[in-house]
PDB file of N, CA and C in Angstrom:
ATOM      1  N   MET A   1     -33.873  -7.926   8.271  1.00  0.00           N
ATOM      2  CA  MET A   1     -32.482  -7.834   8.909  1.00  0.00           C
ATOM      3  C   MET A   1     -32.497  -7.968  10.528  1.00  0.00           C
ATOM      4  N   ASP A   2     -31.705  -8.598  11.340  1.00  0.00           N
ATOM      5  CA  ASP A   2     -31.896  -8.570  12.746  1.00  0.00           C
ATOM      6  C   ASP A   2     -30.797  -8.117  13.127  1.00  0.00           C
ATOM      7  N   SER A   3     -29.870  -7.410  12.793  1.00  0.00           N
ATOM      8  CA  SER A   3     -28.672  -6.982  13.423  1.00  0.00           C
ATOM      9  C   SER A   3     -28.250  -5.848  12.498  1.00  0.00           C
ATOM     10  N   ILE A   4     -27.563  -4.902  13.295  1.00  0.00           N
ATOM     11  CA  ILE A   4     -26.944  -3.694  12.554  1.00  0.00           C
ATOM     12  C   ILE A   4     -25.796  -4.081  11.655  1.00  0.00           C
ATOM     13  N   LEU A   5     -25.165  -5.277  12.262  1.00  0.00           N
ATOM     14  CA  LEU A   5     -24.103  -5.616  11.484  1.00  0.00           C
ATOM     15  C   LEU A   5     -24.493  -6.465  10.051  1.00  0.00           C
ATOM     16  N   GLU A   6     -25.864  -7.179   9.858  1.00  0.00           N
ATOM     17  CA  GLU A   6     -26.304  -7.322   8.759  1.00  0.00           C
ATOM     18  C   GLU A   6     -26.601  -6.501   7.724  1.00  0.00           C
ATOM     19  N   LEU A   7     -27.367  -5.304   8.808  1.00  0.00           N
ATOM     20  CA  LEU A   7     -27.781  -4.046   7.872  1.00  0.00           C
ATOM     21  C   LEU A   7     -26.476  -3.367   6.960  1.00  0.00           C
ATOM     22  N   ILE A   8     -25.481  -3.255   8.053  1.00  0.00           N
ATOM     23  CA  ILE A   8     -24.331  -2.294   7.542  1.00  0.00           C
ATOM     24  C   ILE A   8     -23.753  -3.107   5.946  1.00  0.00           C
ATOM     25  N   SER A   9     -23.608  -4.445   6.290  1.00  0.00           N
ATOM     26  CA  SER A   9     -23.325  -5.483   5.296  1.00  0.00           C
ATOM     27  C   SER A   9     -23.971  -5.297   4.005  1.00  0.00           C
ATOM     28  N   LYS A  10     -25.251  -4.966   3.939  1.00  0.00           N
ATOM     29  CA  LYS A  10     -26.036  -4.922   3.090  1.00  0.00           C
ATOM     30  C   LYS A  10     -26.056  -3.667   2.484  1.00  0.00           C
ATOM     31  N   ILE A  11     -25.853  -2.027   3.299  1.00  0.00           N
ATOM     32  CA  ILE A  11     -25.735  -1.283   3.004  1.00  0.00           C
ATOM     33  C   ILE A  11     -24.198  -1.164   1.927  1.00  0.00           C
ATOM     34  N   LYS A  12     -23.208  -1.936   2.583  1.00  0.00           N
ATOM     35  CA  LYS A  12     -21.926  -1.525   1.787  1.00  0.00           C
ATOM     36  C   LYS A  12     -22.169  -2.084   0.397  1.00  0.00           C
ATOM     37  N   GLN A  13     -22.996  -3.036   0.182  1.00  0.00           N
ATOM     38  CA  GLN A  13     -23.468  -3.813  -0.941  1.00  0.00           C
ATOM     39  C   GLN A  13     -23.666  -2.593  -1.997  1.00  0.00           C
ATOM     40  N   ARG A  14     -24.855  -1.916  -1.471  1.00  0.00           N
ATOM     41  CA  ARG A  14     -25.577  -1.241  -2.266  1.00  0.00           C
ATOM     42  C   ARG A  14     -25.983   0.034  -1.701  1.00  0.00           C
ATOM     43  N   PRO A  15     -25.179   1.183  -1.457  1.00  0.00           N
ATOM     44  CA  PRO A  15     -25.286   2.168  -0.334  1.00  0.00           C
ATOM     45  C   PRO A  15     -26.579   3.201  -0.799  1.00  0.00           C
ATOM     46  N   ALA A  16     -26.659   3.524  -2.040  1.00  0.00           N
ATOM     47  CA  ALA A  16     -27.605   4.436  -2.577  1.00  0.00           C
ATOM     48  C   ALA A  16     -29.109   3.712  -2.564  1.00  0.00           C
ATOM     49  N   MET A  17     -29.420   2.491  -2.601  1.00  0.00           N
ATOM     50  CA  MET A  17     -30.357   1.550  -2.459  1.00  0.00           C
ATOM     51  C   MET A  17     -30.948   1.916  -0.872  1.00  0.00           C
ATOM     52  N   TYR A  18     -30.177   1.895   0.245  1.00  0.00           N
ATOM     53  CA  TYR A  18     -30.501   2.144   1.335  1.00  0.00           C
ATOM     54  C   TYR A  18     -30.446   3.408   2.121  1.00  0.00           C
ATOM     55  N   ILE A  19     -29.691   4.163   1.460  1.00  0.00           N
ATOM     56  CA  ILE A  19     -29.370   5.420   2.288  1.00  0.00           C
ATOM     57  C   ILE A  19     -29.486   6.756   1.297  1.00  0.00           C
ATOM     58  N   GLY A  20     -30.020   6.406  -0.043  1.00  0.00           N
ATOM     59  CA  GLY A  20     -30.419   7.233  -0.744  1.00  0.00           C
ATOM     60  C   GLY A  20     -29.202   8.012  -1.134  1.00  0.00           C
ATOM     61  N   ARG A  21     -27.986   8.260  -1.012  1.00  0.00           N
ATOM     62  CA  ARG A  21     -26.938   8.938  -1.793  1.00  0.00           C
ATOM     63  C   ARG A  21     -25.645   8.431  -0.797  1.00  0.00           C
ATOM     64  N   ASN A  22     -24.656   8.181  -1.609  1.00  0.00           N
ATOM     65  CA  ASN A  22     -23.417   7.769  -1.103  1.00  0.00           C
ATOM     66  C   ASN A  22     -22.605   8.849   0.058  1.00  0.00           C
ATOM     67  N   SER A  23     -23.064   9.020   1.218  1.00  0.00           N
ATOM     68  CA  SER A  23     -22.784  10.041   1.915  1.00  0.00           C
ATOM     69  C   SER A  23     -22.656   9.509   3.351  1.00  0.00           C
ATOM     70  N   ILE A  24     -21.717   9.768   4.045  1.00  0.00           N
ATOM     71  CA  ILE A  24     -21.534   9.587   5.757  1.00  0.00           C
ATOM     72  C   ILE A  24     -22.849  10.154   6.240  1.00  0.00           C
ATOM     73  N   SER A  25     -22.889  11.051   6.211  1.00  0.00           N
ATOM     74  CA  SER A  25     -24.297  11.800   6.732  1.00  0.00           C
ATOM     75  C   SER A  25     -25.346  11.009   6.518  1.00  0.00           C
ATOM     76  N   SER A  26     -25.857  10.540   5.376  1.00  0.00           N
ATOM     77  CA  SER A  26     -26.910   9.895   5.093  1.00  0.00           C
ATOM     78  C   SER A  26     -27.187   8.416   5.776  1.00  0.00           C
ATOM     79  N   LEU A  27     -25.485   7.887   6.146  1.00  0.00           N
ATOM     80  CA  LEU A  27     -25.425   6.607   6.584  1.00  0.00           C
ATOM     81  C   LEU A  27     -25.792   6.920   7.996  1.00  0.00           C
ATOM     82  N   LYS A  28     -25.293   7.968   8.637  1.00  0.00           N
ATOM     83  CA  LYS A  28     -25.387   8.185  10.208  1.00  0.00           C
ATOM     84  C   LYS A  28     -27.010   8.321  10.518  1.00  0.00           C
ATOM     85  N   ALA A  29     -27.562   9.244   9.717  1.00  0.00           N
ATOM     86  CA  ALA A  29     -29.085   9.414   9.738  1.00  0.00           C
ATOM     87  C   ALA A  29     -29.981   8.038   9.576  1.00  0.00           C
ATOM     88  N   PHE A  30     -29.478   7.387   8.873  1.00  0.00           N
ATOM     89  CA  PHE A  30     -30.257   5.878   8.558  1.00  0.00           C
ATOM     90  C   PHE A  30     -29.997   5.029  10.005  1.00  0.00           C
ATOM     91  N   LEU A  31     -28.770   4.934  10.098  1.00  0.00           N
ATOM     92  CA  LEU A  31     -28.517   3.846  11.420  1.00  0.00           C
ATOM     93  C   LEU A  31     -29.090   4.462  12.592  1.00  0.00           C
ATOM     94  N   ASP A  32     -29.206   5.984  12.819  1.00  0.00           N
ATOM     95  CA  ASP A  32     -29.681   6.300  14.223  1.00  0.00           C
ATOM     96  C   ASP A  32     -31.250   6.116  13.792  1.00  0.00           C
ATOM     97  N   GLY A  33     -31.754   5.847  12.863  1.00  0.00           N
ATOM     98  CA  GLY A  33     -33.573   5.469  12.792  1.00  0.00           C
ATOM     99  C   GLY A  33     -33.527   4.253  13.023  1.00  0.00           C
ATOM    100  N   TRP A  34     -32.440   3.339  12.430  1.00  0.00           N
ATOM    101  CA  TRP A  34     -32.422   1.821  12.869  1.00  0.00           C
ATOM    102  C   TRP A  34     -32.647   1.574  14.410  1.00  0.00           C
ATOM    103  N   TYR A  35     -32.144   2.733  15.169  1.00  0.00           N
ATOM    104  CA  TYR A  35     -32.140   2.185  16.554  1.00  0.00           C
ATOM    105  C   TYR A  35     -33.116   2.351  17.120  1.00  0.00           C
ATOM    106  N   LEU A  36     -34.396   3.169  16.579  1.00  0.00           N
ATOM    107  CA  LEU A  36     -35.445   3.464  16.950  1.00  0.00           C
ATOM    108  C   LEU A  36     -36.561   2.487  16.677  1.00  0.00           C
ATOM    109  N   ARG A  37     -36.070   1.514  15.688  1.00  0.00           N
ATOM    110  CA  ARG A  37     -37.181   0.582  15.120  1.00  0.00           C
ATOM    111  C   ARG A  37     -37.966  -0.124  16.032  1.00  0.00           C
ATOM    112  N   SER A  38     -37.306  -0.383  17.387  1.00  0.00           N
ATOM    113  CA  SER A  38     -37.693  -1.407  18.191  1.00  0.00           C
ATOM    114  C   SER A  38     -36.838  -1.282  19.364  1.00  0.00           C
ATOM    115  N   PRO A  39     -37.486  -1.599  20.662  1.00  0.00           N
ATOM    116  CA  PRO A  39     -36.912  -1.226  21.872  1.00  0.00           C
ATOM    117  C   PRO A  39     -35.822  -2.332  22.342  1.00  0.00           C
ATOM    118  N   ASP A  40     -35.733  -3.723  21.249  1.00  0.00           N
ATOM    119  CA  ASP A  40     -34.847  -4.561  21.505  1.00  0.00           C
ATOM    120  C   ASP A  40     -33.570  -4.241  20.614  1.00  0.00           C
ATOM    121  N   THR A  41     -33.130  -2.969  21.036  1.00  0.00           N
ATOM    122  CA  THR A  41     -31.844  -2.951  19.995  1.00  0.00           C
ATOM    123  C   THR A  41     -30.345  -2.703  20.917  1.00  0.00           C
ATOM    124  N   ILE A  42     -30.557  -3.187  21.872  1.00  0.00           N
ATOM    125  CA  ILE A  42     -29.412  -2.838  22.896  1.00  0.00           C
ATOM    126  C   ILE A  42     -28.055  -3.353  22.394  1.00  0.00           C
ATOM    127  N   SER A  43     -28.088  -4.790  21.835  1.00  0.00           N
ATOM    128  CA  SER A  43     -26.865  -5.017  21.171  1.00  0.00           C
ATOM    129  C   SER A  43     -26.502  -4.317  19.706  1.00  0.00           C
ATOM    130  N   ASP A  44     -27.522  -3.996  19.187  1.00  0.00           N
ATOM    131  CA  ASP A  44     -27.008  -2.565  17.995  1.00  0.00           C
ATOM    132  C   ASP A  44     -26.286  -1.555  18.664  1.00  0.00           C
ATOM    133  N   ILE A  45     -27.078  -0.941  19.623  1.00  0.00           N
ATOM    134  CA  ILE A  45     -26.613   0.360  20.159  1.00  0.00           C
ATOM    135  C   ILE A  45     -25.033   0.221  20.903  1.00  0.00           C
ATOM    136  N   GLU A  46     -24.932  -1.020  21.600  1.00  0.00           N
ATOM    137  CA  GLU A  46     -23.466  -1.519  22.270  1.00  0.00           C
ATOM    138  C   GLU A  46     -22.421  -1.519  20.845  1.00  0.00           C
ATOM    139  N   VAL A  47     -22.858  -2.030  19.724  1.00  0.00           N
ATOM    140  CA  VAL A  47     -21.552  -2.317  19.115  1.00  0.00           C
ATOM    141  C   VAL A  47     -21.427  -0.562  18.401  1.00  0.00           C
ATOM    142  N   MET A  48     -22.431   0.174  18.043  1.00  0.00           N
ATOM    143  CA  MET A  48     -22.046   1.249  17.546  1.00  0.00           C
ATOM    144  C   MET A  48     -21.305   2.390  18.652  1.00  0.00           C
ATOM    145  N   GLY A  49     -21.707   2.003  19.606  1.00  0.00           N
ATOM    146  CA  GLY A  49     -21.087   2.893  21.091  1.00  0.00           C
ATOM    147  C   GLY A  49     -19.536   2.281  20.934  1.00  0.00           C
ATOM    148  N   GLU A  50     -19.538   1.012  20.977  1.00  0.00           N
ATOM    149  CA  GLU A  50     -17.877   0.462  20.821  1.00  0.00           C
ATOM    150  C   GLU A  50     -17.272   1.235  19.797  1.00  0.00           C
ATOM    151  N   PHE A  51     -17.686   1.113  18.510  1.00  0.00           N
ATOM    152  CA  PHE A  51     -17.220   1.775  17.425  1.00  0.00           C
ATOM    153  C   PHE A  51     -17.162   3.221  17.643  1.00  0.00           C
ATOM    154  N   GLN A  52     -18.008   4.031  18.222  1.00  0.00           N
ATOM    155  CA  GLN A  52     -17.462   5.371  18.379  1.00  0.00           C
ATOM    156  C   GLN A  52     -16.377   5.429  19.573  1.00  0.00           C
ATOM    157  N   ASP A  53     -16.521   4.732  20.264  1.00  0.00           N
ATOM    158  CA  ASP A  53     -15.260   4.824  21.505  1.00  0.00           C
ATOM    159  C   ASP A  53     -13.664   4.392  20.606  1.00  0.00           C
ATOM    160  N   TRP A  54     -14.077   3.091  19.849  1.00  0.00           N
ATOM    161  CA  TRP A  54     -12.883   2.909  18.808  1.00  0.00           C
ATOM    162  C   TRP A  54     -12.328   3.977  17.765  1.00  0.00           C
ATOM    163  N   VAL A  55     -13.397   4.867  17.174  1.00  0.00           N
ATOM    164  CA  VAL A  55     -12.908   5.831  16.072  1.00  0.00           C
ATOM    165  C   VAL A  55     -12.033   6.824  17.342  1.00  0.00           C
ATOM    166  N   CYS A  56     -13.068   7.333  18.194  1.00  0.00           N
ATOM    167  CA  CYS A  56     -12.047   8.451  19.152  1.00  0.00           C
ATOM    168  C   CYS A  56     -10.804   8.078  19.627  1.00  0.00           C
ATOM    169  N   LYS A  57     -10.803   7.034  20.053  1.00  0.00           N
ATOM    170  CA  LYS A  57      -9.354   6.331  20.278  1.00  0.00           C
ATOM    171  C   LYS A  57      -8.186   6.598  19.049  1.00  0.00           C
ATOM    172  N   LYS A  58      -8.649   5.797  18.184  1.00  0.00           N
ATOM    173  CA  LYS A  58      -7.919   6.027  16.781  1.00  0.00           C
ATOM    174  C   LYS A  58      -7.278   7.513  16.384  1.00  0.00           C
ATOM    175  N   TYR A  59      -8.343   8.260  16.337  1.00  0.00           N
ATOM    176  CA  TYR A  59      -8.040   9.526  15.755  1.00  0.00           C
ATOM    177  C   TYR A  59      -7.666  10.407  16.929  1.00  0.00           C
ATOM    178  N   LYS A  60      -7.700  10.044  18.055  1.00  0.00           N
ATOM    179  CA  LYS A  60      -7.303  11.049  19.153  1.00  0.00           C
ATOM    180  C   LYS A  60      -8.665  12.286  19.344  1.00  0.00           C
ATOM    181  N   ILE A  61      -9.893  12.051  18.983  1.00  0.00           N
ATOM    182  CA  ILE A  61     -10.467  13.047  19.126  1.00  0.00           C
ATOM    183  C   ILE A  61     -11.857  12.401  19.927  1.00  0.00           C
ATOM    184  N   ASP A  62     -12.397  13.205  20.934  1.00  0.00           N
ATOM    185  CA  ASP A  62     -13.169  12.690  21.497  1.00  0.00           C
ATOM    186  C   ASP A  62     -14.651  13.321  22.154  1.00  0.00           C
ATOM    187  N   THR A  63     -14.389  14.563  20.989  1.00  0.00           N
ATOM    188  CA  THR A  63     -15.659  15.328  21.148  1.00  0.00           C
ATOM    189  C   THR A  63     -16.805  15.480  19.973  1.00  0.00           C
ATOM    190  N   HIS A  64     -16.580  14.597  19.139  1.00  0.00           N
ATOM    191  CA  HIS A  64     -17.398  14.423  18.130  1.00  0.00           C
ATOM    192  C   HIS A  64     -17.565  13.176  17.511  1.00  0.00           C
ATOM    193  N   SER A  65     -19.096  12.784  16.918  1.00  0.00           N
ATOM    194  CA  SER A  65     -19.312  11.395  16.684  1.00  0.00           C
ATOM    195  C   SER A  65     -18.662  10.914  15.174  1.00  0.00           C
ATOM    196  N   TRP A  66     -18.453   9.622  15.550  1.00  0.00           N
ATOM    197  CA  TRP A  66     -17.569   9.215  14.425  1.00  0.00           C
ATOM    198  C   TRP A  66     -17.782   9.340  12.968  1.00  0.00           C
ATOM    199  N   ASP A  67     -18.873   9.709  12.714  1.00  0.00           N
ATOM    200  CA  ASP A  67     -19.440  10.244  11.196  1.00  0.00           C
ATOM    201  C   ASP A  67     -18.720  11.306  10.943  1.00  0.00           C
ATOM    202  N   HIS A  68     -18.863  12.502  11.804  1.00  0.00           N
ATOM    203  CA  HIS A  68     -18.175  13.604  11.820  1.00  0.00           C
ATOM    204  C   HIS A  68     -16.394  13.641  11.859  1.00  0.00           C
ATOM    205  N   ILE A  69     -15.852  12.938  12.713  1.00  0.00           N
ATOM    206  CA  ILE A  69     -14.325  12.479  12.791  1.00  0.00           C
ATOM    207  C   ILE A  69     -14.012  12.040  11.417  1.00  0.00           C
ATOM    208  N   LEU A  70     -14.884  10.641  10.715  1.00  0.00           N
ATOM    209  CA  LEU A  70     -14.535  10.209   9.414  1.00  0.00           C
ATOM    210  C   LEU A  70     -14.182  11.410   8.605  1.00  0.00           C
ATOM    211  N   LEU A  71     -15.581  12.042   8.398  1.00  0.00           N
ATOM    212  CA  LEU A  71     -15.718  13.200   7.384  1.00  0.00           C
ATOM    213  C   LEU A  71     -14.549  14.284   7.541  1.00  0.00           C
ATOM    214  N   PHE A  72     -14.065  14.681   8.477  1.00  0.00           N
ATOM    215  CA  PHE A  72     -13.097  15.539   8.821  1.00  0.00           C
ATOM    216  C   PHE A  72     -11.654  14.968   8.144  1.00  0.00           C
ATOM    217  N   TYR A  73     -11.613  13.574   8.373  1.00  0.00           N
ATOM    218  CA  TYR A  73     -10.425  13.252   7.670  1.00  0.00           C
ATOM    219  C   TYR A  73     -10.440  12.723   6.487  1.00  0.00           C
ATOM    220  N   SER A  74     -11.563  13.271   5.540  1.00  0.00           N
ATOM    221  CA  SER A  74     -11.909  12.594   4.070  1.00  0.00           C
ATOM    222  C   SER A  74     -12.277  13.822   3.201  1.00  0.00           C
ATOM    223  N   PHE A  75     -12.020  13.467   2.032  1.00  0.00           N
ATOM    224  CA  PHE A  75     -12.010  14.563   0.862  1.00  0.00           C
ATOM    225  C   PHE A  75     -13.570  15.048   1.028  1.00  0.00           C
ATOM    226  N   ASP A  76     -14.597  13.999   0.944  1.00  0.00           N
ATOM    227  CA  ASP A  76     -15.888  14.461   1.031  1.00  0.00           C
ATOM    228  C   ASP A  76     -16.568  13.250   1.288  1.00  0.00           C
ATOM    229  N   GLU A  77     -18.117  13.577   1.396  1.00  0.00           N
ATOM    230  CA  GLU A  77     -19.053  12.451   2.068  1.00  0.00           C
ATOM    231  C   GLU A  77     -18.823  11.312   1.495  1.00  0.00           C
ATOM    232  N   TYR A  78     -18.527  11.037   0.085  1.00  0.00           N
ATOM    233  CA  TYR A  78     -18.290   9.720  -0.464  1.00  0.00           C
ATOM    234  C   TYR A  78     -17.435   9.234  -0.071  1.00  0.00           C
ATOM    235  N   ASN A  79     -16.244   9.776   0.039  1.00  0.00           N
ATOM    236  CA  ASN A  79     -15.026   9.169   0.534  1.00  0.00           C
ATOM    237  C   ASN A  79     -14.933   8.858   1.877  1.00  0.00           C
ATOM    238  N   ALA A  80     -15.707   9.436   3.006  1.00  0.00           N
ATOM    239  CA  ALA A  80     -16.009   9.289   4.304  1.00  0.00           C
ATOM    240  C   ALA A  80     -16.763   8.074   4.468  1.00  0.00           C
ATOM    241  N   LEU A  81     -17.583   7.824   3.722  1.00  0.00           N
ATOM    242  CA  LEU A  81     -18.614   6.544   3.534  1.00  0.00           C
ATOM    243  C   LEU A  81     -17.885   5.537   3.248  1.00  0.00           C
ATOM    244  N   GLN A  82     -16.378   5.343   2.160  1.00  0.00           N
ATOM    245  CA  GLN A  82     -16.034   4.352   2.086  1.00  0.00           C
ATOM    246  C   GLN A  82     -14.888   3.928   3.213  1.00  0.00           C
ATOM    247  N   GLU A  83     -14.434   5.302   3.569  1.00  0.00           N
ATOM    248  CA  GLU A  83     -13.759   4.881   4.735  1.00  0.00           C
ATOM    249  C   GLU A  83     -14.431   4.148   6.035  1.00  0.00           C
ATOM    250  N   PHE A  84     -15.635   4.699   6.296  1.00  0.00           N
ATOM    251  CA  PHE A  84     -16.516   4.152   7.021  1.00  0.00           C
ATOM    252  C   PHE A  84     -16.477   2.583   7.024  1.00  0.00           C
ATOM    253  N   PHE A  85     -16.545   2.092   5.778  1.00  0.00           N
ATOM    254  CA  PHE A  85     -16.821   0.813   5.575  1.00  0.00           C
ATOM    255  C   PHE A  85     -15.304   0.097   5.893  1.00  0.00           C
ATOM    256  N   LYS A  86     -14.346   0.525   5.560  1.00  0.00           N
ATOM    257  CA  LYS A  86     -13.017  -0.206   5.867  1.00  0.00           C
ATOM    258  C   LYS A  86     -12.739   0.131   7.364  1.00  0.00           C
ATOM    259  N   GLN A  87     -12.982   1.136   7.997  1.00  0.00           N
ATOM    260  CA  GLN A  87     -12.446   1.075   9.342  1.00  0.00           C
ATOM    261  C   GLN A  87     -13.448   0.387  10.333  1.00  0.00           C
ATOM    262  N   PHE A  88     -14.922   0.173   9.841  1.00  0.00           N
ATOM    263  CA  PHE A  88     -15.924  -0.721  10.578  1.00  0.00           C
ATOM    264  C   PHE A  88     -15.279  -2.142  10.544  1.00  0.00           C
ATOM    265  N   GLU A  89     -14.833  -2.513   9.074  1.00  0.00           N
ATOM    266  CA  GLU A  89     -14.341  -3.922   9.258  1.00  0.00           C
ATOM    267  C   GLU A  89     -13.011  -4.042  10.361  1.00  0.00           C
ATOM    268  N   LEU A  90     -12.285  -3.246  10.133  1.00  0.00           N
ATOM    269  CA  LEU A  90     -11.391  -3.234  10.861  1.00  0.00           C
ATOM    270  C   LEU A  90     -11.480  -3.224  12.448  1.00  0.00           C
ATOM    271  N   PHE A  91     -12.453  -2.339  12.809  1.00  0.00           N
ATOM    272  CA  PHE A  91     -12.916  -2.372  14.226  1.00  0.00           C
ATOM    273  C   PHE A  91     -13.553  -3.895  14.613  1.00  0.00           C
ATOM    274  N   LEU A  92     -14.287  -4.242  13.644  1.00  0.00           N
ATOM    275  CA  LEU A  92     -14.892  -5.622  13.871  1.00  0.00           C
ATOM    276  C   LEU A  92     -14.103  -6.819  14.099  1.00  0.00           C
ATOM    277  N   SER A  93     -12.761  -6.673  13.249  1.00  0.00           N
ATOM    278  CA  SER A  93     -11.673  -7.622  13.223  1.00  0.00           C
ATOM    279  C   SER A  93     -10.868  -7.700  14.535  1.00  0.00           C
ATOM    280  N   GLU A  94     -10.707  -6.289  15.024  1.00  0.00           N
ATOM    281  CA  GLU A  94     -10.148  -6.367  16.289  1.00  0.00           C
ATOM    282  C   GLU A  94     -11.056  -6.411  17.648  1.00  0.00           C
ATOM    283  N   ARG A  95     -12.542  -6.418  17.189  1.00  0.00           N
ATOM    284  CA  ARG A  95     -13.170  -6.750  18.324  1.00  0.00           C
ATOM    285  C   ARG A  95     -13.488  -8.054  18.550  1.00  0.00           C
ATOM    286  N   LYS A  96     -13.145  -8.959  17.627  1.00  0.00           N
ATOM    287  CA  LYS A  96     -13.078 -10.272  17.619  1.00  0.00           C
ATOM    288  C   LYS A  96     -12.160 -11.055  18.562  1.00  0.00           C
ATOM    289  N   LYS A  97     -10.943 -10.281  18.253  1.00  0.00           N
ATOM    290  CA  LYS A  97      -9.824 -10.883  19.281  1.00  0.00           C
ATOM    291  C   LYS A  97      -9.770 -11.062  20.734  1.00  0.00           C
TER     292      LYS A  97
END
């Protein structure tokens, strides 16, 4: 996989295979590790940085990371993970405009 967008798409299809358990915290830890895989991850960092800003603006919270914000507004870790996929797709569609 060459980009974080491809990776997130694959994780969405089979989360437990990639992140071990269906939780937003596991996803965040996995994606943080993804950044460390290579020094050429600037575009991946930019995408997730933009997503961070987008989530903060949407929920009007700027002191927490996107995973904590989504978890706060969810029933549990699993629900927050599902919400991440929905919100990330919405973010990408707005980003293309």
